[in-house]
Amino acid sequence: MKMIIVVRKDLKMRRGKEIAQACHGAIDCVAMSEKSVLDDWTKNHHKRKICLQVDSEAELLAVYKAAQEAGLVSSLVEDLGLTEFDGLTKTALVLGPANEEKLNSVTGALKLY
Protein backbone atom coordinates (compact mmCIF):
# COMPACT_ATOMS: atom_id res chain seq x y z
CA MET A 1 0.00 0.00 0.00
CA LYS A 2 1.05 3.56 -0.63
CA MET A 3 -0.15 7.10 -1.24
CA ILE A 4 0.66 8.88 -4.50
CA ILE A 5 1.24 12.64 -4.63
CA VAL A 6 1.21 14.22 -8.10
CA VAL A 7 2.45 17.81 -8.53
CA ARG A 8 2.18 20.07 -11.58
CA LYS A 9 5.71 21.11 -12.54
CA ASP A 10 4.61 23.52 -15.28
CA LEU A 11 3.43 26.02 -12.63
CA LYS A 12 6.97 26.48 -11.28
CA MET A 13 5.64 26.84 -7.73
CA ARG A 14 7.96 27.69 -4.87
CA ARG A 15 9.03 24.53 -3.04
CA GLY A 16 7.05 25.48 0.07
CA LYS A 17 3.93 26.03 -2.04
CA GLU A 18 4.32 22.61 -3.64
CA ILE A 19 4.67 20.98 -0.23
CA ALA A 20 1.62 22.81 1.14
CA GLN A 21 -0.49 21.79 -1.86
CA ALA A 22 0.58 18.15 -1.46
CA CYS A 23 -0.27 18.29 2.25
CA HIS A 24 -3.76 19.66 1.53
CA GLY A 25 -4.46 16.66 -0.68
CA ALA A 26 -2.92 14.15 1.71
CA ILE A 27 -5.04 15.41 4.61
CA ASP A 28 -8.17 15.19 2.43
CA CYS A 29 -7.37 11.61 1.39
CA VAL A 30 -6.70 10.49 4.97
CA ALA A 31 -10.02 12.04 6.03
CA MET A 32 -11.84 10.15 3.24
CA SER A 33 -10.18 6.78 3.82
CA GLU A 34 -11.62 3.89 5.76
CA LYS A 35 -10.11 3.22 9.18
CA SER A 36 -9.03 -0.30 8.22
CA VAL A 37 -7.13 1.03 5.19
CA LEU A 38 -5.39 3.68 7.30
CA ASP A 39 -4.50 1.14 9.98
CA ASP A 40 -2.94 -1.19 7.39
CA TRP A 41 -1.07 1.64 5.65
CA THR A 42 0.24 2.95 8.98
CA LYS A 43 1.17 -0.33 10.66
CA ASN A 44 2.34 -2.47 7.75
CA HIS A 45 3.48 0.00 5.11
CA HIS A 46 5.05 2.81 7.19
CA LYS A 47 2.82 5.48 5.63
CA ARG A 48 4.63 5.06 2.29
CA LYS A 49 4.26 8.03 -0.07
CA ILE A 50 5.55 8.45 -3.62
CA CYS A 51 5.84 11.88 -5.31
CA LEU A 52 5.30 12.08 -9.07
CA GLN A 53 5.00 14.93 -11.55
CA VAL A 54 2.93 16.04 -14.52
CA ASP A 55 3.58 18.86 -16.97
CA SER A 56 0.09 20.33 -17.41
CA GLU A 57 -3.39 20.74 -16.00
CA ALA A 58 -4.71 18.47 -18.75
CA GLU A 59 -2.36 15.68 -17.68
CA LEU A 60 -3.33 16.17 -14.01
CA LEU A 61 -7.03 15.98 -14.90
CA ALA A 62 -6.50 12.85 -17.00
CA VAL A 63 -4.88 11.10 -14.04
CA TYR A 64 -7.69 12.31 -11.77
CA LYS A 65 -10.32 10.93 -14.15
CA ALA A 66 -8.54 7.57 -14.36
CA ALA A 67 -8.31 7.44 -10.54
CA GLN A 68 -12.02 8.11 -10.19
CA GLU A 69 -12.83 5.41 -12.76
CA ALA A 70 -10.63 2.99 -10.79
CA GLY A 71 -12.51 3.82 -7.59
CA LEU A 72 -9.47 5.27 -5.82
CA VAL A 73 -9.74 7.75 -2.96
CA SER A 74 -8.46 10.98 -4.49
CA SER A 75 -8.16 14.68 -3.81
CA LEU A 76 -7.71 17.21 -6.60
CA VAL A 77 -6.09 20.25 -4.98
CA GLU A 78 -7.14 23.69 -6.15
CA ASP A 79 -5.24 26.75 -4.92
CA LEU A 80 -7.33 29.84 -4.14
CA GLY A 81 -4.89 32.21 -5.84
CA LEU A 82 -4.12 34.38 -2.83
CA THR A 83 -0.30 34.27 -3.11
CA GLU A 84 1.25 32.85 -6.30
CA PHE A 85 -1.58 32.53 -8.78
CA ASP A 86 -4.24 34.79 -10.18
CA GLY A 87 -7.43 32.89 -9.41
CA LEU A 88 -8.21 29.24 -8.85
CA THR A 89 -5.49 26.88 -10.06
CA LYS A 90 -5.37 23.08 -9.98
CA THR A 91 -1.95 22.34 -8.50
CA ALA A 92 -1.77 18.75 -7.28
CA LEU A 93 -3.53 15.43 -6.94
CA VAL A 94 -3.26 12.89 -4.14
CA LEU A 95 -4.39 9.27 -4.46
CA GLY A 96 -4.80 6.64 -1.75
CA PRO A 97 -3.61 5.19 0.44
CA ALA A 98 -4.46 2.15 -1.63
CA ASN A 99 -3.15 -1.08 -3.08
CA GLU A 100 0.10 -0.52 -4.95
CA GLU A 101 -0.98 -2.41 -8.07
CA LYS A 102 -4.21 -0.41 -8.36
CA LEU A 103 -2.33 2.88 -7.98
CA ASN A 104 0.34 1.81 -10.47
CA SER A 105 -2.34 1.05 -13.06
CA VAL A 106 -3.28 4.75 -12.94
CA THR A 107 0.09 6.45 -12.29
CA GLY A 108 2.70 3.96 -13.47
CA ALA A 109 3.70 6.00 -16.53
CA LEU A 110 4.35 9.23 -14.58
CA LYS A 111 7.85 10.50 -13.81
CA LEU A 112 9.21 10.67 -10.27
CA TYR A 113 9.24 14.17 -8.82
C-alpha atoms as a PDB file:
ATOM      1  CA  MET A   1       0.000   0.000   0.000  1.00  0.00           C
ATOM      2  CA  LYS A   2       1.051   3.564  -0.629  1.00  0.00           C
ATOM      3  CA  MET A   3      -0.148   7.101  -1.237  1.00  0.00           C
ATOM      4  CA  ILE A   4       0.658   8.882  -4.498  1.00  0.00           C
ATOM      5  CA  ILE A   5       1.240  12.642  -4.627  1.00  0.00           C
ATOM      6  CA  VAL A   6       1.209  14.222  -8.103  1.00  0.00           C
ATOM      7  CA  VAL A   7       2.446  17.810  -8.529  1.00  0.00           C
ATOM      8  CA  ARG A   8       2.181  20.068 -11.579  1.00  0.00           C
ATOM      9  CA  LYS A   9       5.710  21.109 -12.544  1.00  0.00           C
ATOM     10  CA  ASP A  10       4.608  23.523 -15.280  1.00  0.00           C
ATOM     11  CA  LEU A  11       3.432  26.016 -12.632  1.00  0.00           C
ATOM     12  CA  LYS A  12       6.966  26.479 -11.280  1.00  0.00           C
ATOM     13  CA  MET A  13       5.643  26.839  -7.728  1.00  0.00           C
ATOM     14  CA  ARG A  14       7.964  27.692  -4.869  1.00  0.00           C
ATOM     15  CA  ARG A  15       9.025  24.527  -3.040  1.00  0.00           C
ATOM     16  CA  GLY A  16       7.050  25.480   0.066  1.00  0.00           C
ATOM     17  CA  LYS A  17       3.935  26.034  -2.043  1.00  0.00           C
ATOM     18  CA  GLU A  18       4.320  22.606  -3.640  1.00  0.00           C
ATOM     19  CA  ILE A  19       4.669  20.982  -0.228  1.00  0.00           C
ATOM     20  CA  ALA A  20       1.624  22.813   1.136  1.00  0.00           C
ATOM     21  CA  GLN A  21      -0.491  21.785  -1.860  1.00  0.00           C
ATOM     22  CA  ALA A  22       0.576  18.149  -1.462  1.00  0.00           C
ATOM     23  CA  CYS A  23      -0.272  18.285   2.247  1.00  0.00           C
ATOM     24  CA  HIS A  24      -3.756  19.661   1.533  1.00  0.00           C
ATOM     25  CA  GLY A  25      -4.464  16.659  -0.683  1.00  0.00           C
ATOM     26  CA  ALA A  26      -2.916  14.146   1.712  1.00  0.00           C
ATOM     27  CA  ILE A  27      -5.041  15.406   4.605  1.00  0.00           C
ATOM     28  CA  ASP A  28      -8.166  15.187   2.433  1.00  0.00           C
ATOM     29  CA  CYS A  29      -7.370  11.610   1.394  1.00  0.00           C
ATOM     30  CA  VAL A  30      -6.700  10.494   4.969  1.00  0.00           C
ATOM     31  CA  ALA A  31     -10.022  12.039   6.025  1.00  0.00           C
ATOM     32  CA  MET A  32     -11.844  10.150   3.239  1.00  0.00           C
ATOM     33  CA  SER A  33     -10.176   6.778   3.821  1.00  0.00           C
ATOM     34  CA  GLU A  34     -11.624   3.890   5.764  1.00  0.00           C
ATOM     35  CA  LYS A  35     -10.112   3.223   9.183  1.00  0.00           C
ATOM     36  CA  SER A  36      -9.032  -0.304   8.219  1.00  0.00           C
ATOM     37  CA  VAL A  37      -7.127   1.027   5.195  1.00  0.00           C
ATOM     38  CA  LEU A  38      -5.395   3.681   7.305  1.00  0.00           C
ATOM     39  CA  ASP A  39      -4.500   1.136   9.982  1.00  0.00           C
ATOM     40  CA  ASP A  40      -2.945  -1.192   7.387  1.00  0.00           C
ATOM     41  CA  TRP A  41      -1.067   1.645   5.653  1.00  0.00           C
ATOM     42  CA  THR A  42       0.238   2.949   8.981  1.00  0.00           C
ATOM     43  CA  LYS A  43       1.165  -0.334  10.662  1.00  0.00           C
ATOM     44  CA  ASN A  44       2.338  -2.470   7.753  1.00  0.00           C
ATOM     45  CA  HIS A  45       3.479   0.000   5.113  1.00  0.00           C
ATOM     46  CA  HIS A  46       5.054   2.805   7.193  1.00  0.00           C
ATOM     47  CA  LYS A  47       2.816   5.482   5.625  1.00  0.00           C
ATOM     48  CA  ARG A  48       4.629   5.063   2.294  1.00  0.00           C
ATOM     49  CA  LYS A  49       4.259   8.031  -0.073  1.00  0.00           C
ATOM     50  CA  ILE A  50       5.555   8.455  -3.620  1.00  0.00           C
ATOM     51  CA  CYS A  51       5.836  11.877  -5.315  1.00  0.00           C
ATOM     52  CA  LEU A  52       5.300  12.085  -9.070  1.00  0.00           C
ATOM     53  CA  GLN A  53       5.001  14.934 -11.547  1.00  0.00           C
ATOM     54  CA  VAL A  54       2.935  16.041 -14.515  1.00  0.00           C
ATOM     55  CA  ASP A  55       3.576  18.865 -16.966  1.00  0.00           C
ATOM     56  CA  SER A  56       0.091  20.332 -17.412  1.00  0.00           C
ATOM     57  CA  GLU A  57      -3.390  20.740 -16.004  1.00  0.00           C
ATOM     58  CA  ALA A  58      -4.706  18.472 -18.754  1.00  0.00           C
ATOM     59  CA  GLU A  59      -2.356  15.678 -17.679  1.00  0.00           C
ATOM     60  CA  LEU A  60      -3.333  16.167 -14.013  1.00  0.00           C
ATOM     61  CA  LEU A  61      -7.032  15.982 -14.904  1.00  0.00           C
ATOM     62  CA  ALA A  62      -6.504  12.850 -17.002  1.00  0.00           C
ATOM     63  CA  VAL A  63      -4.875  11.098 -14.043  1.00  0.00           C
ATOM     64  CA  TYR A  64      -7.693  12.307 -11.767  1.00  0.00           C
ATOM     65  CA  LYS A  65     -10.325  10.928 -14.152  1.00  0.00           C
ATOM     66  CA  ALA A  66      -8.542   7.572 -14.357  1.00  0.00           C
ATOM     67  CA  ALA A  67      -8.310   7.442 -10.543  1.00  0.00           C
ATOM     68  CA  GLN A  68     -12.023   8.114 -10.193  1.00  0.00           C
ATOM     69  CA  GLU A  69     -12.831   5.415 -12.760  1.00  0.00           C
ATOM     70  CA  ALA A  70     -10.631   2.989 -10.792  1.00  0.00           C
ATOM     71  CA  GLY A  71     -12.508   3.822  -7.588  1.00  0.00           C
ATOM     72  CA  LEU A  72      -9.473   5.268  -5.816  1.00  0.00           C
ATOM     73  CA  VAL A  73      -9.738   7.745  -2.957  1.00  0.00           C
ATOM     74  CA  SER A  74      -8.461  10.977  -4.493  1.00  0.00           C
ATOM     75  CA  SER A  75      -8.157  14.685  -3.809  1.00  0.00           C
ATOM     76  CA  LEU A  76      -7.705  17.213  -6.597  1.00  0.00           C
ATOM     77  CA  VAL A  77      -6.095  20.248  -4.979  1.00  0.00           C
ATOM     78  CA  GLU A  78      -7.142  23.694  -6.151  1.00  0.00           C
ATOM     79  CA  ASP A  79      -5.243  26.749  -4.916  1.00  0.00           C
ATOM     80  CA  LEU A  80      -7.330  29.839  -4.138  1.00  0.00           C
ATOM     81  CA  GLY A  81      -4.892  32.214  -5.836  1.00  0.00           C
ATOM     82  CA  LEU A  82      -4.115  34.376  -2.832  1.00  0.00           C
ATOM     83  CA  THR A  83      -0.304  34.274  -3.114  1.00  0.00           C
ATOM     84  CA  GLU A  84       1.247  32.854  -6.295  1.00  0.00           C
ATOM     85  CA  PHE A  85      -1.580  32.529  -8.780  1.00  0.00           C
ATOM     86  CA  ASP A  86      -4.241  34.790 -10.181  1.00  0.00           C
ATOM     87  CA  GLY A  87      -7.428  32.886  -9.412  1.00  0.00           C
ATOM     88  CA  LEU A  88      -8.210  29.241  -8.850  1.00  0.00           C
ATOM     89  CA  THR A  89      -5.492  26.878 -10.061  1.00  0.00           C
ATOM     90  CA  LYS A  90      -5.372  23.077  -9.983  1.00  0.00           C
ATOM     91  CA  THR A  91      -1.954  22.341  -8.497  1.00  0.00           C
ATOM     92  CA  ALA A  92      -1.766  18.747  -7.279  1.00  0.00           C
ATOM     93  CA  LEU A  93      -3.527  15.431  -6.944  1.00  0.00           C
ATOM     94  CA  VAL A  94      -3.258  12.894  -4.141  1.00  0.00           C
ATOM     95  CA  LEU A  95      -4.392   9.269  -4.457  1.00  0.00           C
ATOM     96  CA  GLY A  96      -4.799   6.640  -1.753  1.00  0.00           C
ATOM     97  CA  PRO A  97      -3.609   5.186   0.444  1.00  0.00           C
ATOM     98  CA  ALA A  98      -4.459   2.148  -1.629  1.00  0.00           C
ATOM     99  CA  ASN A  99      -3.150  -1.079  -3.078  1.00  0.00           C
ATOM    100  CA  GLU A 100       0.103  -0.517  -4.948  1.00  0.00           C
ATOM    101  CA  GLU A 101      -0.984  -2.410  -8.074  1.00  0.00           C
ATOM    102  CA  LYS A 102      -4.215  -0.414  -8.356  1.00  0.00           C
ATOM    103  CA  LEU A 103      -2.329   2.884  -7.980  1.00  0.00           C
ATOM    104  CA  ASN A 104       0.345   1.813 -10.472  1.00  0.00           C
ATOM    105  CA  SER A 105      -2.339   1.054 -13.060  1.00  0.00           C
ATOM    106  CA  VAL A 106      -3.276   4.755 -12.943  1.00  0.00           C
ATOM    107  CA  THR A 107       0.090   6.449 -12.291  1.00  0.00           C
ATOM    108  CA  GLY A 108       2.703   3.958 -13.471  1.00  0.00           C
ATOM    109  CA  ALA A 109       3.701   6.004 -16.527  1.00  0.00           C
ATOM    110  CA  LEU A 110       4.350   9.232 -14.582  1.00  0.00           C
ATOM    111  CA  LYS A 111       7.854  10.499 -13.805  1.00  0.00           C
ATOM    112  CA  LEU A 112       9.208  10.666 -10.267  1.00  0.00           C
ATOM    113  CA  TYR A 113       9.243  14.175  -8.824  1.00  0.00           C
END
